[in-house]
N, C-alpha and C. Protein backbone atom coordinates (compact mmCIF):
# COMPACT_ATOMS: atom_id res chain seq x y z
N UNK A 1 149.46 89.01 109.40
CA UNK A 1 148.28 89.08 110.28
C UNK A 1 147.24 89.99 109.64
N UNK A 2 145.98 89.52 109.64
CA UNK A 2 144.91 90.33 109.05
C UNK A 2 144.59 91.54 109.90
N UNK A 3 144.11 92.58 109.24
CA UNK A 3 143.73 93.79 109.95
C UNK A 3 142.45 93.56 110.74
N UNK A 4 142.38 94.11 111.95
CA UNK A 4 141.18 94.01 112.77
C UNK A 4 140.08 94.84 112.14
N UNK A 5 138.94 94.22 111.86
CA UNK A 5 137.81 94.93 111.24
C UNK A 5 136.97 95.56 112.33
N UNK A 6 137.09 96.86 112.48
CA UNK A 6 136.31 97.58 113.49
C UNK A 6 134.94 97.90 112.92
N UNK A 7 133.89 97.55 113.66
CA UNK A 7 132.53 97.80 113.21
C UNK A 7 132.14 99.23 113.56
N UNK A 8 132.38 100.16 112.62
CA UNK A 8 132.07 101.56 112.86
C UNK A 8 130.67 101.91 112.38
N UNK A 9 130.00 100.96 111.76
CA UNK A 9 128.64 101.20 111.30
C UNK A 9 128.61 102.02 110.03
N UNK A 10 127.41 102.22 109.50
CA UNK A 10 127.22 103.05 108.33
C UNK A 10 125.87 103.71 108.46
N UNK A 11 125.66 104.77 107.69
CA UNK A 11 124.42 105.54 107.81
C UNK A 11 123.58 105.34 106.55
N UNK A 12 122.60 104.45 106.60
CA UNK A 12 121.76 104.25 105.42
C UNK A 12 120.98 105.52 105.08
N UNK A 13 120.75 105.72 103.79
CA UNK A 13 119.95 106.87 103.35
C UNK A 13 118.49 106.46 103.36
N UNK A 14 117.65 107.22 104.06
CA UNK A 14 116.25 106.86 104.20
C UNK A 14 115.30 107.90 103.60
N UNK A 15 115.80 108.82 102.79
CA UNK A 15 114.94 109.81 102.18
C UNK A 15 114.08 109.22 101.09
N UNK A 16 112.99 109.92 100.71
CA UNK A 16 112.10 109.45 99.65
C UNK A 16 112.87 109.27 98.35
N UNK A 17 113.81 110.17 98.08
CA UNK A 17 114.57 110.09 96.84
C UNK A 17 115.54 108.92 96.85
N UNK A 18 115.82 108.33 98.01
CA UNK A 18 116.75 107.21 98.12
C UNK A 18 116.07 105.87 97.94
N UNK A 19 114.74 105.85 98.00
CA UNK A 19 114.04 104.57 97.90
C UNK A 19 113.91 104.19 96.43
N UNK A 20 114.25 102.95 96.11
CA UNK A 20 114.24 102.49 94.73
C UNK A 20 112.85 101.96 94.39
N UNK A 21 112.17 102.64 93.48
CA UNK A 21 110.81 102.25 93.11
C UNK A 21 110.85 101.29 91.93
N UNK A 22 110.13 100.19 92.06
CA UNK A 22 110.06 99.16 91.03
C UNK A 22 108.66 98.54 91.07
N UNK A 23 108.31 97.71 90.09
CA UNK A 23 106.98 97.11 90.11
C UNK A 23 106.63 96.39 91.41
N UNK A 24 107.63 95.83 92.09
CA UNK A 24 107.35 95.07 93.31
C UNK A 24 106.91 95.96 94.49
N UNK A 25 107.19 97.26 94.42
CA UNK A 25 106.82 98.13 95.55
C UNK A 25 106.10 99.40 95.12
N UNK A 26 105.82 99.56 93.82
CA UNK A 26 105.24 100.80 93.31
C UNK A 26 103.88 101.08 93.93
N UNK A 27 103.06 100.06 94.14
CA UNK A 27 101.74 100.28 94.72
C UNK A 27 101.86 100.79 96.15
N UNK A 28 102.78 100.22 96.92
CA UNK A 28 102.98 100.68 98.29
C UNK A 28 103.46 102.13 98.32
N UNK A 29 104.37 102.47 97.44
CA UNK A 29 104.86 103.85 97.37
C UNK A 29 103.72 104.80 97.06
N UNK A 30 102.84 104.41 96.13
CA UNK A 30 101.71 105.26 95.76
C UNK A 30 100.76 105.47 96.94
N UNK A 31 100.52 104.42 97.71
CA UNK A 31 99.65 104.56 98.89
C UNK A 31 100.26 105.51 99.91
N UNK A 32 101.55 105.42 100.13
CA UNK A 32 102.20 106.29 101.12
C UNK A 32 102.28 107.73 100.62
N UNK A 33 102.41 107.90 99.32
CA UNK A 33 102.45 109.25 98.77
C UNK A 33 101.11 109.97 98.96
N UNK A 34 100.02 109.21 99.01
CA UNK A 34 98.70 109.82 99.20
C UNK A 34 98.12 109.44 100.58
N UNK A 35 98.97 109.47 101.56
CA UNK A 35 98.59 108.98 102.89
C UNK A 35 97.46 109.78 103.53
N UNK A 36 97.31 111.04 103.19
CA UNK A 36 96.23 111.84 103.79
C UNK A 36 94.87 111.44 103.23
N UNK A 37 94.84 110.59 102.20
CA UNK A 37 93.58 110.19 101.55
C UNK A 37 93.23 108.74 101.82
N UNK A 38 93.90 108.10 102.77
CA UNK A 38 93.56 106.70 103.07
C UNK A 38 92.08 106.58 103.42
N UNK A 39 91.40 105.55 102.93
CA UNK A 39 89.97 105.40 103.20
C UNK A 39 89.65 104.87 104.60
N UNK A 40 90.66 104.47 105.33
CA UNK A 40 90.48 103.96 106.69
C UNK A 40 91.60 104.52 107.55
N UNK A 41 91.47 104.45 108.88
CA UNK A 41 92.53 104.98 109.74
C UNK A 41 93.87 104.27 109.57
N UNK A 42 93.84 102.99 109.15
CA UNK A 42 95.07 102.20 109.10
C UNK A 42 95.40 101.76 107.68
N UNK A 43 96.67 101.50 107.46
CA UNK A 43 97.16 100.88 106.24
C UNK A 43 98.16 99.81 106.65
N UNK A 44 98.09 98.64 106.04
CA UNK A 44 99.00 97.54 106.35
C UNK A 44 99.91 97.29 105.16
N UNK A 45 101.22 97.39 105.39
CA UNK A 45 102.21 97.00 104.39
C UNK A 45 102.70 95.60 104.76
N UNK A 46 102.59 94.66 103.85
CA UNK A 46 103.04 93.31 104.17
C UNK A 46 103.95 92.77 103.06
N UNK A 47 104.92 91.98 103.48
CA UNK A 47 105.86 91.39 102.54
C UNK A 47 106.98 90.69 103.28
N UNK A 48 107.84 89.98 102.56
CA UNK A 48 108.91 89.20 103.21
C UNK A 48 109.92 90.09 103.92
N UNK A 49 110.65 89.50 104.82
CA UNK A 49 111.69 90.24 105.55
C UNK A 49 112.68 90.85 104.58
N UNK A 50 113.04 92.11 104.83
CA UNK A 50 114.03 92.77 104.01
C UNK A 50 113.54 93.29 102.69
N UNK A 51 112.23 93.32 102.47
CA UNK A 51 111.72 93.76 101.17
C UNK A 51 111.62 95.28 101.07
N UNK A 52 111.97 96.00 102.12
CA UNK A 52 111.94 97.46 102.06
C UNK A 52 110.85 98.10 102.88
N UNK A 53 110.13 97.32 103.67
CA UNK A 53 109.03 97.89 104.46
C UNK A 53 109.53 98.93 105.46
N UNK A 54 110.61 98.63 106.14
CA UNK A 54 111.13 99.58 107.14
C UNK A 54 111.60 100.88 106.49
N UNK A 55 112.18 100.78 105.31
CA UNK A 55 112.59 101.99 104.61
C UNK A 55 111.36 102.83 104.26
N UNK A 56 110.31 102.17 103.78
CA UNK A 56 109.08 102.89 103.45
C UNK A 56 108.49 103.54 104.69
N UNK A 57 108.55 102.86 105.82
CA UNK A 57 108.05 103.43 107.07
C UNK A 57 108.81 104.71 107.40
N UNK A 58 110.12 104.68 107.23
CA UNK A 58 110.92 105.87 107.54
C UNK A 58 110.64 107.02 106.57
N UNK A 59 110.39 106.68 105.31
CA UNK A 59 109.99 107.71 104.34
C UNK A 59 108.68 108.36 104.78
N UNK A 60 107.73 107.52 105.20
CA UNK A 60 106.44 108.05 105.65
C UNK A 60 106.58 108.86 106.94
N UNK A 61 107.45 108.41 107.81
CA UNK A 61 107.68 109.15 109.06
C UNK A 61 108.18 110.56 108.77
N UNK A 62 109.06 110.68 107.80
CA UNK A 62 109.59 111.99 107.46
C UNK A 62 108.52 112.88 106.81
N UNK A 63 107.58 112.26 106.08
CA UNK A 63 106.51 113.03 105.46
C UNK A 63 105.46 113.48 106.47
N UNK A 64 105.16 112.61 107.42
CA UNK A 64 104.02 112.83 108.31
C UNK A 64 104.40 113.26 109.71
N UNK A 65 105.70 113.17 110.07
CA UNK A 65 106.15 113.40 111.45
C UNK A 65 105.49 112.42 112.41
N UNK A 66 105.25 111.20 111.93
CA UNK A 66 104.58 110.19 112.74
C UNK A 66 105.47 109.71 113.88
N UNK A 67 104.83 109.23 114.94
CA UNK A 67 105.53 108.66 116.09
C UNK A 67 105.58 107.15 115.94
N UNK A 68 106.68 106.56 116.34
CA UNK A 68 106.81 105.11 116.29
C UNK A 68 106.62 104.48 117.66
N UNK A 69 106.02 103.29 117.67
CA UNK A 69 105.84 102.54 118.91
C UNK A 69 106.45 101.16 118.71
N UNK A 70 107.30 100.73 119.64
CA UNK A 70 107.89 99.40 119.55
C UNK A 70 106.82 98.36 119.84
N UNK A 71 106.81 97.31 119.01
CA UNK A 71 105.78 96.28 119.12
C UNK A 71 105.74 95.66 120.51
N UNK A 72 106.91 95.35 121.09
CA UNK A 72 106.94 94.67 122.38
C UNK A 72 106.70 95.60 123.56
N UNK A 73 106.55 96.90 123.28
CA UNK A 73 106.25 97.85 124.35
C UNK A 73 104.85 98.43 124.24
N UNK A 74 104.06 97.86 123.34
CA UNK A 74 102.70 98.35 123.15
C UNK A 74 101.78 97.76 124.22
N UNK A 75 101.31 98.60 125.11
CA UNK A 75 100.35 98.20 126.14
C UNK A 75 99.30 99.28 126.25
N UNK A 76 98.13 98.93 126.75
CA UNK A 76 97.06 99.91 126.92
C UNK A 76 97.50 101.02 127.86
N UNK A 77 98.17 100.67 128.94
CA UNK A 77 98.57 101.66 129.94
C UNK A 77 99.63 102.62 129.44
N UNK A 78 100.42 102.19 128.43
CA UNK A 78 101.52 103.04 127.96
C UNK A 78 101.12 103.99 126.84
N UNK A 79 99.93 103.82 126.28
CA UNK A 79 99.57 104.59 125.10
C UNK A 79 99.47 106.09 125.38
N UNK A 80 98.84 106.45 126.48
CA UNK A 80 98.66 107.86 126.79
C UNK A 80 100.01 108.57 126.88
N UNK A 81 100.98 107.91 127.53
CA UNK A 81 102.30 108.53 127.69
C UNK A 81 103.06 108.56 126.37
N UNK A 82 102.97 107.49 125.59
CA UNK A 82 103.75 107.39 124.37
C UNK A 82 103.19 108.25 123.24
N UNK A 83 101.87 108.43 123.22
CA UNK A 83 101.26 109.15 122.10
C UNK A 83 101.01 110.62 122.39
N UNK A 84 100.69 110.94 123.64
CA UNK A 84 100.31 112.32 123.98
C UNK A 84 99.21 112.74 123.02
N UNK A 85 99.43 113.79 122.23
CA UNK A 85 98.40 114.24 121.29
C UNK A 85 98.74 113.89 119.85
N UNK A 86 99.62 112.92 119.63
CA UNK A 86 100.03 112.56 118.26
C UNK A 86 98.87 111.91 117.52
N UNK A 87 98.78 112.20 116.22
CA UNK A 87 97.69 111.68 115.40
C UNK A 87 98.17 110.61 114.42
N UNK A 88 99.44 110.61 114.12
CA UNK A 88 99.97 109.68 113.12
C UNK A 88 101.03 108.79 113.77
N UNK A 89 100.88 107.48 113.58
CA UNK A 89 101.69 106.50 114.31
C UNK A 89 102.05 105.34 113.38
N UNK A 90 103.23 104.75 113.61
CA UNK A 90 103.59 103.53 112.89
C UNK A 90 104.02 102.45 113.86
N UNK A 91 103.77 101.22 113.47
CA UNK A 91 104.05 100.06 114.30
C UNK A 91 104.48 98.93 113.37
N UNK A 92 105.65 98.33 113.60
CA UNK A 92 106.19 97.33 112.69
C UNK A 92 106.09 95.91 113.26
N UNK A 93 106.14 94.94 112.34
CA UNK A 93 106.13 93.50 112.68
C UNK A 93 104.92 93.12 113.53
N UNK A 94 103.77 93.58 113.12
CA UNK A 94 102.56 93.38 113.93
C UNK A 94 102.17 91.91 114.02
N UNK A 95 102.49 91.12 113.00
CA UNK A 95 102.10 89.70 113.04
C UNK A 95 103.15 88.82 113.71
N UNK A 96 104.04 89.44 114.47
CA UNK A 96 105.08 88.69 115.18
C UNK A 96 104.84 88.72 116.68
N UNK A 97 103.57 88.70 117.07
CA UNK A 97 103.22 88.74 118.48
C UNK A 97 102.87 90.15 118.90
N UNK A 98 101.63 90.36 119.32
CA UNK A 98 101.18 91.71 119.64
C UNK A 98 100.14 91.66 120.76
N UNK A 99 100.08 92.71 121.57
CA UNK A 99 99.02 92.86 122.56
C UNK A 99 97.77 93.33 121.81
N UNK A 100 96.85 92.42 121.56
CA UNK A 100 95.69 92.73 120.72
C UNK A 100 94.81 93.81 121.34
N UNK A 101 94.62 93.76 122.64
CA UNK A 101 93.79 94.77 123.29
C UNK A 101 94.43 96.16 123.12
N UNK A 102 95.73 96.22 123.25
CA UNK A 102 96.43 97.50 123.10
C UNK A 102 96.35 97.98 121.65
N UNK A 103 96.49 97.07 120.68
CA UNK A 103 96.40 97.47 119.28
C UNK A 103 95.00 97.96 118.94
N UNK A 104 93.99 97.31 119.48
CA UNK A 104 92.61 97.77 119.27
C UNK A 104 92.42 99.16 119.87
N UNK A 105 92.95 99.36 121.06
CA UNK A 105 92.85 100.66 121.72
C UNK A 105 93.58 101.72 120.89
N UNK A 106 94.75 101.36 120.36
CA UNK A 106 95.52 102.29 119.52
C UNK A 106 94.74 102.64 118.26
N UNK A 107 94.19 101.63 117.61
CA UNK A 107 93.40 101.88 116.39
C UNK A 107 92.25 102.84 116.67
N UNK A 108 91.51 102.58 117.74
CA UNK A 108 90.36 103.42 118.07
C UNK A 108 90.80 104.84 118.40
N UNK A 109 91.92 104.96 119.10
CA UNK A 109 92.43 106.29 119.47
C UNK A 109 92.82 107.09 118.22
N UNK A 110 93.52 106.44 117.30
CA UNK A 110 93.91 107.11 116.06
C UNK A 110 92.67 107.49 115.25
N UNK A 111 91.69 106.61 115.24
CA UNK A 111 90.45 106.91 114.51
C UNK A 111 89.73 108.11 115.11
N UNK A 112 89.67 108.17 116.43
CA UNK A 112 89.02 109.31 117.10
C UNK A 112 89.73 110.62 116.78
N UNK A 113 91.03 110.57 116.61
CA UNK A 113 91.81 111.77 116.34
C UNK A 113 91.90 112.09 114.84
N UNK A 114 91.21 111.28 114.02
CA UNK A 114 91.25 111.44 112.56
C UNK A 114 92.69 111.37 112.06
N UNK A 115 93.46 110.44 112.66
CA UNK A 115 94.85 110.29 112.30
C UNK A 115 95.09 109.11 111.38
N UNK A 116 96.32 108.65 111.35
CA UNK A 116 96.73 107.57 110.44
C UNK A 116 97.65 106.60 111.17
N UNK A 117 97.42 105.31 110.94
CA UNK A 117 98.18 104.25 111.59
C UNK A 117 98.78 103.35 110.51
N UNK A 118 100.10 103.35 110.42
CA UNK A 118 100.80 102.51 109.45
C UNK A 118 101.34 101.28 110.15
N UNK A 119 100.93 100.10 109.67
CA UNK A 119 101.35 98.83 110.24
C UNK A 119 102.14 98.04 109.20
N UNK A 120 103.16 97.31 109.65
CA UNK A 120 103.87 96.42 108.74
C UNK A 120 103.83 95.00 109.29
N UNK A 121 103.90 94.04 108.39
CA UNK A 121 103.85 92.63 108.76
C UNK A 121 104.39 91.81 107.60
N UNK A 122 104.67 90.56 107.88
CA UNK A 122 105.11 89.68 106.80
C UNK A 122 103.92 89.14 106.01
N UNK A 123 102.78 89.00 106.66
CA UNK A 123 101.60 88.43 106.01
C UNK A 123 100.45 89.43 106.04
N UNK A 124 99.48 89.30 105.13
CA UNK A 124 98.31 90.19 105.15
C UNK A 124 97.44 89.89 106.36
N UNK A 125 96.64 90.85 106.82
CA UNK A 125 95.83 90.66 108.02
C UNK A 125 94.89 89.46 107.97
N UNK A 126 94.45 89.07 106.79
CA UNK A 126 93.54 87.94 106.71
C UNK A 126 94.18 86.65 107.22
N UNK A 127 95.51 86.60 107.25
CA UNK A 127 96.22 85.41 107.73
C UNK A 127 96.67 85.52 109.18
N UNK A 128 96.42 86.67 109.82
CA UNK A 128 96.81 86.83 111.21
C UNK A 128 95.85 86.06 112.10
N UNK A 129 96.36 85.44 113.13
CA UNK A 129 95.53 84.69 114.07
C UNK A 129 95.11 85.61 115.22
N UNK A 130 94.12 86.43 114.94
CA UNK A 130 93.65 87.40 115.92
C UNK A 130 92.47 86.83 116.71
N UNK A 131 92.51 87.00 118.01
CA UNK A 131 91.44 86.50 118.87
C UNK A 131 90.31 87.52 119.05
N UNK A 132 90.65 88.80 119.02
CA UNK A 132 89.63 89.84 119.23
C UNK A 132 88.88 90.11 117.93
N UNK A 133 87.59 89.82 117.94
CA UNK A 133 86.79 90.00 116.74
C UNK A 133 86.73 91.46 116.29
N UNK A 134 86.67 92.39 117.25
CA UNK A 134 86.61 93.81 116.90
C UNK A 134 87.88 94.27 116.20
N UNK A 135 89.02 93.79 116.69
CA UNK A 135 90.29 94.15 116.06
C UNK A 135 90.39 93.54 114.67
N UNK A 136 90.00 92.30 114.56
CA UNK A 136 90.07 91.62 113.26
C UNK A 136 89.21 92.33 112.22
N UNK A 137 88.00 92.70 112.59
CA UNK A 137 87.10 93.36 111.64
C UNK A 137 87.66 94.70 111.18
N UNK A 138 88.28 95.44 112.10
CA UNK A 138 88.85 96.74 111.73
C UNK A 138 90.03 96.58 110.78
N UNK A 139 90.90 95.62 111.07
CA UNK A 139 92.08 95.45 110.24
C UNK A 139 91.74 94.85 108.88
N UNK A 140 90.74 94.01 108.83
CA UNK A 140 90.33 93.46 107.53
C UNK A 140 89.67 94.52 106.66
N UNK A 141 89.13 95.56 107.29
CA UNK A 141 88.52 96.65 106.53
C UNK A 141 89.55 97.66 106.05
N UNK A 142 90.76 97.61 106.60
CA UNK A 142 91.82 98.54 106.22
C UNK A 142 92.50 98.06 104.93
N UNK A 143 92.97 98.98 104.10
CA UNK A 143 93.71 98.56 102.90
C UNK A 143 95.00 97.85 103.30
N UNK A 144 95.30 96.76 102.60
CA UNK A 144 96.53 96.00 102.82
C UNK A 144 97.28 95.94 101.50
N UNK A 145 98.53 96.36 101.51
CA UNK A 145 99.31 96.49 100.28
C UNK A 145 100.55 95.61 100.36
N UNK A 146 100.76 94.83 99.33
CA UNK A 146 101.89 93.91 99.30
C UNK A 146 103.15 94.60 98.79
N UNK A 147 104.27 94.30 99.44
CA UNK A 147 105.60 94.68 98.94
C UNK A 147 106.30 93.37 98.58
N UNK A 148 106.47 93.14 97.30
CA UNK A 148 106.96 91.84 96.84
C UNK A 148 108.48 91.77 96.87
N UNK A 149 108.98 90.55 96.68
CA UNK A 149 110.43 90.35 96.58
C UNK A 149 110.95 91.06 95.34
N UNK A 150 112.15 91.56 95.36
CA UNK A 150 112.68 92.35 94.24
C UNK A 150 113.08 91.52 93.04
N UNK A 151 113.03 92.16 91.85
CA UNK A 151 113.53 91.52 90.65
C UNK A 151 115.03 91.84 90.48
N UNK A 152 115.63 91.35 89.41
CA UNK A 152 117.08 91.52 89.23
C UNK A 152 117.46 92.99 89.09
N UNK A 153 116.63 93.77 88.39
CA UNK A 153 116.94 95.18 88.20
C UNK A 153 116.96 95.91 89.54
N UNK A 154 115.99 95.60 90.39
CA UNK A 154 115.93 96.26 91.68
C UNK A 154 117.08 95.82 92.58
N UNK A 155 117.40 94.53 92.55
CA UNK A 155 118.53 94.04 93.35
C UNK A 155 119.82 94.74 92.91
N UNK A 156 119.99 94.93 91.61
CA UNK A 156 121.19 95.63 91.12
C UNK A 156 121.25 97.04 91.68
N UNK A 157 120.12 97.76 91.60
CA UNK A 157 120.08 99.12 92.13
C UNK A 157 120.29 99.14 93.62
N UNK A 158 119.74 98.14 94.32
CA UNK A 158 119.89 98.09 95.77
C UNK A 158 121.35 97.86 96.15
N UNK A 159 122.04 96.98 95.46
CA UNK A 159 123.45 96.75 95.75
C UNK A 159 124.26 98.03 95.58
N UNK A 160 124.00 98.75 94.50
CA UNK A 160 124.71 100.01 94.27
C UNK A 160 124.45 100.97 95.43
N UNK A 161 123.18 101.06 95.87
CA UNK A 161 122.82 101.95 96.96
C UNK A 161 123.47 101.53 98.28
N UNK A 162 123.47 100.21 98.56
CA UNK A 162 124.05 99.74 99.81
C UNK A 162 125.56 100.00 99.86
N UNK A 163 126.24 99.82 98.74
CA UNK A 163 127.66 100.15 98.71
C UNK A 163 127.86 101.66 98.88
N UNK A 164 127.00 102.45 98.24
CA UNK A 164 127.12 103.91 98.35
C UNK A 164 126.84 104.38 99.78
N UNK A 165 125.90 103.73 100.48
CA UNK A 165 125.63 104.07 101.88
C UNK A 165 126.87 103.91 102.74
N UNK A 166 127.74 102.98 102.34
CA UNK A 166 128.98 102.74 103.08
C UNK A 166 130.16 103.51 102.46
N UNK A 167 129.85 104.38 101.51
CA UNK A 167 130.87 105.18 100.82
C UNK A 167 131.88 104.29 100.12
N UNK A 168 131.38 103.21 99.51
CA UNK A 168 132.22 102.28 98.76
C UNK A 168 131.88 102.38 97.28
N UNK A 169 132.90 102.46 96.45
CA UNK A 169 132.71 102.50 95.02
C UNK A 169 133.08 101.14 94.44
N UNK A 170 132.18 100.58 93.67
CA UNK A 170 132.43 99.28 93.05
C UNK A 170 132.12 99.38 91.56
N UNK A 171 132.69 98.46 90.79
CA UNK A 171 132.48 98.47 89.36
C UNK A 171 131.21 97.76 88.93
N UNK A 172 130.75 98.08 87.73
CA UNK A 172 129.56 97.44 87.19
C UNK A 172 129.77 95.94 87.02
N UNK A 173 131.03 95.53 86.77
CA UNK A 173 131.30 94.11 86.62
C UNK A 173 131.02 93.34 87.91
N UNK A 174 131.27 93.98 89.06
CA UNK A 174 130.99 93.32 90.33
C UNK A 174 129.49 93.12 90.51
N UNK A 175 128.70 94.15 90.23
CA UNK A 175 127.24 94.03 90.36
C UNK A 175 126.71 92.94 89.43
N UNK A 176 127.21 92.95 88.19
CA UNK A 176 126.77 91.95 87.22
C UNK A 176 127.14 90.53 87.66
N UNK A 177 128.23 90.39 88.37
CA UNK A 177 128.64 89.07 88.87
C UNK A 177 127.77 88.63 90.05
N UNK A 178 127.46 89.55 90.95
CA UNK A 178 126.75 89.19 92.17
C UNK A 178 125.28 88.83 91.93
N UNK A 179 124.59 89.62 91.12
CA UNK A 179 123.13 89.51 91.02
C UNK A 179 122.65 88.10 90.67
N UNK A 180 123.17 87.45 89.62
CA UNK A 180 122.65 86.12 89.29
C UNK A 180 123.10 85.01 90.24
N UNK A 181 124.00 85.31 91.16
CA UNK A 181 124.56 84.28 92.04
C UNK A 181 124.08 84.38 93.48
N UNK A 182 123.33 85.42 93.81
CA UNK A 182 122.91 85.63 95.18
C UNK A 182 121.41 85.40 95.33
N UNK A 183 120.99 85.20 96.55
CA UNK A 183 119.56 85.11 96.85
C UNK A 183 118.92 86.45 96.52
N UNK A 184 117.77 86.43 95.86
CA UNK A 184 117.13 87.66 95.43
C UNK A 184 116.22 88.19 96.53
N UNK A 185 116.84 88.79 97.52
CA UNK A 185 116.09 89.39 98.62
C UNK A 185 116.87 90.56 99.18
N UNK A 186 116.17 91.48 99.83
CA UNK A 186 116.81 92.65 100.41
C UNK A 186 117.73 92.24 101.56
N UNK A 187 117.28 91.29 102.37
CA UNK A 187 118.11 90.82 103.48
C UNK A 187 119.41 90.23 102.98
N UNK A 188 119.34 89.41 101.93
CA UNK A 188 120.55 88.80 101.39
C UNK A 188 121.50 89.85 100.84
N UNK A 189 120.96 90.88 100.19
CA UNK A 189 121.80 91.95 99.66
C UNK A 189 122.52 92.68 100.79
N UNK A 190 121.82 92.94 101.87
CA UNK A 190 122.44 93.64 103.01
C UNK A 190 123.53 92.78 103.65
N UNK A 191 123.25 91.48 103.82
CA UNK A 191 124.25 90.60 104.42
C UNK A 191 125.49 90.49 103.53
N UNK A 192 125.26 90.42 102.22
CA UNK A 192 126.36 90.27 101.29
C UNK A 192 127.25 91.52 101.27
N UNK A 193 126.64 92.69 101.19
CA UNK A 193 127.42 93.93 101.19
C UNK A 193 128.19 94.08 102.50
N UNK A 194 127.56 93.73 103.61
CA UNK A 194 128.23 93.81 104.90
C UNK A 194 129.44 92.88 104.94
N UNK A 195 129.25 91.65 104.44
CA UNK A 195 130.35 90.68 104.45
C UNK A 195 131.49 91.13 103.54
N UNK A 196 131.15 91.67 102.38
CA UNK A 196 132.18 92.14 101.46
C UNK A 196 132.96 93.31 102.07
N UNK A 197 132.25 94.22 102.68
CA UNK A 197 132.89 95.38 103.31
C UNK A 197 133.86 94.94 104.40
N UNK A 198 133.39 94.08 105.30
CA UNK A 198 134.23 93.63 106.41
C UNK A 198 135.42 92.80 105.93
N UNK A 199 135.20 91.95 104.93
CA UNK A 199 136.29 91.12 104.42
C UNK A 199 137.35 91.98 103.74
N UNK A 200 136.91 92.96 102.95
CA UNK A 200 137.85 93.85 102.28
C UNK A 200 138.67 94.65 103.28
N UNK A 201 138.01 95.10 104.35
CA UNK A 201 138.72 95.86 105.37
C UNK A 201 139.73 94.99 106.10
N UNK A 202 139.32 93.80 106.48
CA UNK A 202 140.20 92.91 107.24
C UNK A 202 141.40 92.46 106.43
N UNK A 203 141.20 92.26 105.12
CA UNK A 203 142.29 91.77 104.27
C UNK A 203 143.01 92.88 103.51
N UNK A 204 142.53 94.11 103.72
CA UNK A 204 143.11 95.28 103.04
C UNK A 204 143.12 95.10 101.52
N UNK A 205 141.97 94.63 101.01
CA UNK A 205 141.81 94.43 99.57
C UNK A 205 140.64 95.26 99.06
N UNK A 206 140.65 95.55 97.79
CA UNK A 206 139.51 96.20 97.16
C UNK A 206 138.40 95.18 96.95
N UNK A 207 137.18 95.67 96.83
CA UNK A 207 136.05 94.78 96.58
C UNK A 207 135.97 94.52 95.09
N UNK A 208 136.43 93.36 94.69
CA UNK A 208 136.49 92.97 93.29
C UNK A 208 135.76 91.64 93.10
N UNK A 209 135.67 91.21 91.85
CA UNK A 209 135.00 89.94 91.56
C UNK A 209 135.68 88.76 92.26
N UNK A 210 137.02 88.65 92.23
CA UNK A 210 137.65 87.53 92.96
C UNK A 210 137.32 87.54 94.45
N UNK A 211 137.32 88.71 95.07
CA UNK A 211 136.95 88.78 96.48
C UNK A 211 135.50 88.38 96.67
N UNK A 212 134.64 88.83 95.77
CA UNK A 212 133.22 88.49 95.87
C UNK A 212 133.01 86.99 95.71
N UNK A 213 133.78 86.37 94.82
CA UNK A 213 133.66 84.92 94.62
C UNK A 213 133.99 84.18 95.91
N UNK A 214 135.02 84.64 96.59
CA UNK A 214 135.43 84.01 97.84
C UNK A 214 134.38 84.21 98.93
N UNK A 215 133.86 85.42 99.04
CA UNK A 215 132.87 85.71 100.08
C UNK A 215 131.58 84.96 99.82
N UNK A 216 131.13 84.93 98.56
CA UNK A 216 129.90 84.19 98.24
C UNK A 216 130.04 82.71 98.58
N UNK A 217 131.21 82.14 98.26
CA UNK A 217 131.44 80.73 98.58
C UNK A 217 131.38 80.48 100.07
N UNK A 218 131.96 81.40 100.86
CA UNK A 218 131.95 81.24 102.30
C UNK A 218 130.52 81.35 102.87
N UNK A 219 129.77 82.32 102.38
CA UNK A 219 128.41 82.52 102.88
C UNK A 219 127.51 81.35 102.49
N UNK A 220 127.67 80.86 101.27
CA UNK A 220 126.88 79.72 100.84
C UNK A 220 127.21 78.49 101.66
N UNK A 221 128.47 78.33 101.99
CA UNK A 221 128.88 77.18 102.80
C UNK A 221 128.31 77.23 104.20
N UNK A 222 128.11 78.45 104.69
CA UNK A 222 127.53 78.61 106.04
C UNK A 222 126.00 78.68 106.00
N UNK A 223 125.43 78.66 104.81
CA UNK A 223 123.98 78.76 104.67
C UNK A 223 123.45 80.12 105.00
N UNK A 224 124.27 81.17 104.83
CA UNK A 224 123.86 82.51 105.20
C UNK A 224 123.30 83.29 104.03
N UNK A 225 123.43 82.78 102.83
CA UNK A 225 122.96 83.54 101.68
C UNK A 225 122.59 82.60 100.52
C-alpha cells in the first residue's frame, strides 16, 4: 500500500536575493530597484502566468512596505478603510476583471499622496478593454514592463530553487533531464516539482531520473504539463 501523501505545504523564499535574474526579467528588476524614481505614480508588470510577477511584487513589498489589495475586493467604498494613510500599494491580475471606477480612484489617491502603485497583468495596458477614458489615459502614460517567459538557463535555476524551497536535494542529472522535456514556463516548473515531491513521498522513493520519467509521462498524458 502506498504511503498517504500529506499536503504540509512549503515555504517559498521571496527575498530579493532569492529571485533569479535573467534577460527575460532584468528590466523589470531594474525598475523595481529604482521604484522611488518612477516617472508616474504607477508601474505595470505584464507577462504570462507564472513568469515571476508575484515574486517580484513580494520583493517590492518588502522594499517599500507596500499594502496589497485583492482585485475582487477593490471598491471605491473600501479604499479609505483598506488604505488608511498608506502611500504605496500593489494590485495583481488587473486585466482579469476590475472595478474601473475604483481603480481610477485608487490611482488618483496614490498620486495625491505622491505614492507608488504597482500593477500586474498578463497583457500590457494598451490591450486592456477599459471603458473609462480617464483611467485608460493614466495607465497608458504609466511605464509598462514586460516579464518574458524563461529560457533554459533560468528554468534550470528555478527548478533548483523550487526543490530547495521544499528542502529537497536533487542531482544535476535530474535537472538536465527535466529541462529539455518540460514546458518552459514558471507554472509548469511549479507543477512538476509539486508532482515529483508528492509522488516521491507517496511511493517512498527518491526523486531520480526514472521517477521523473514516470511523472512527466503521467502529466503529459493528462495534459497538465
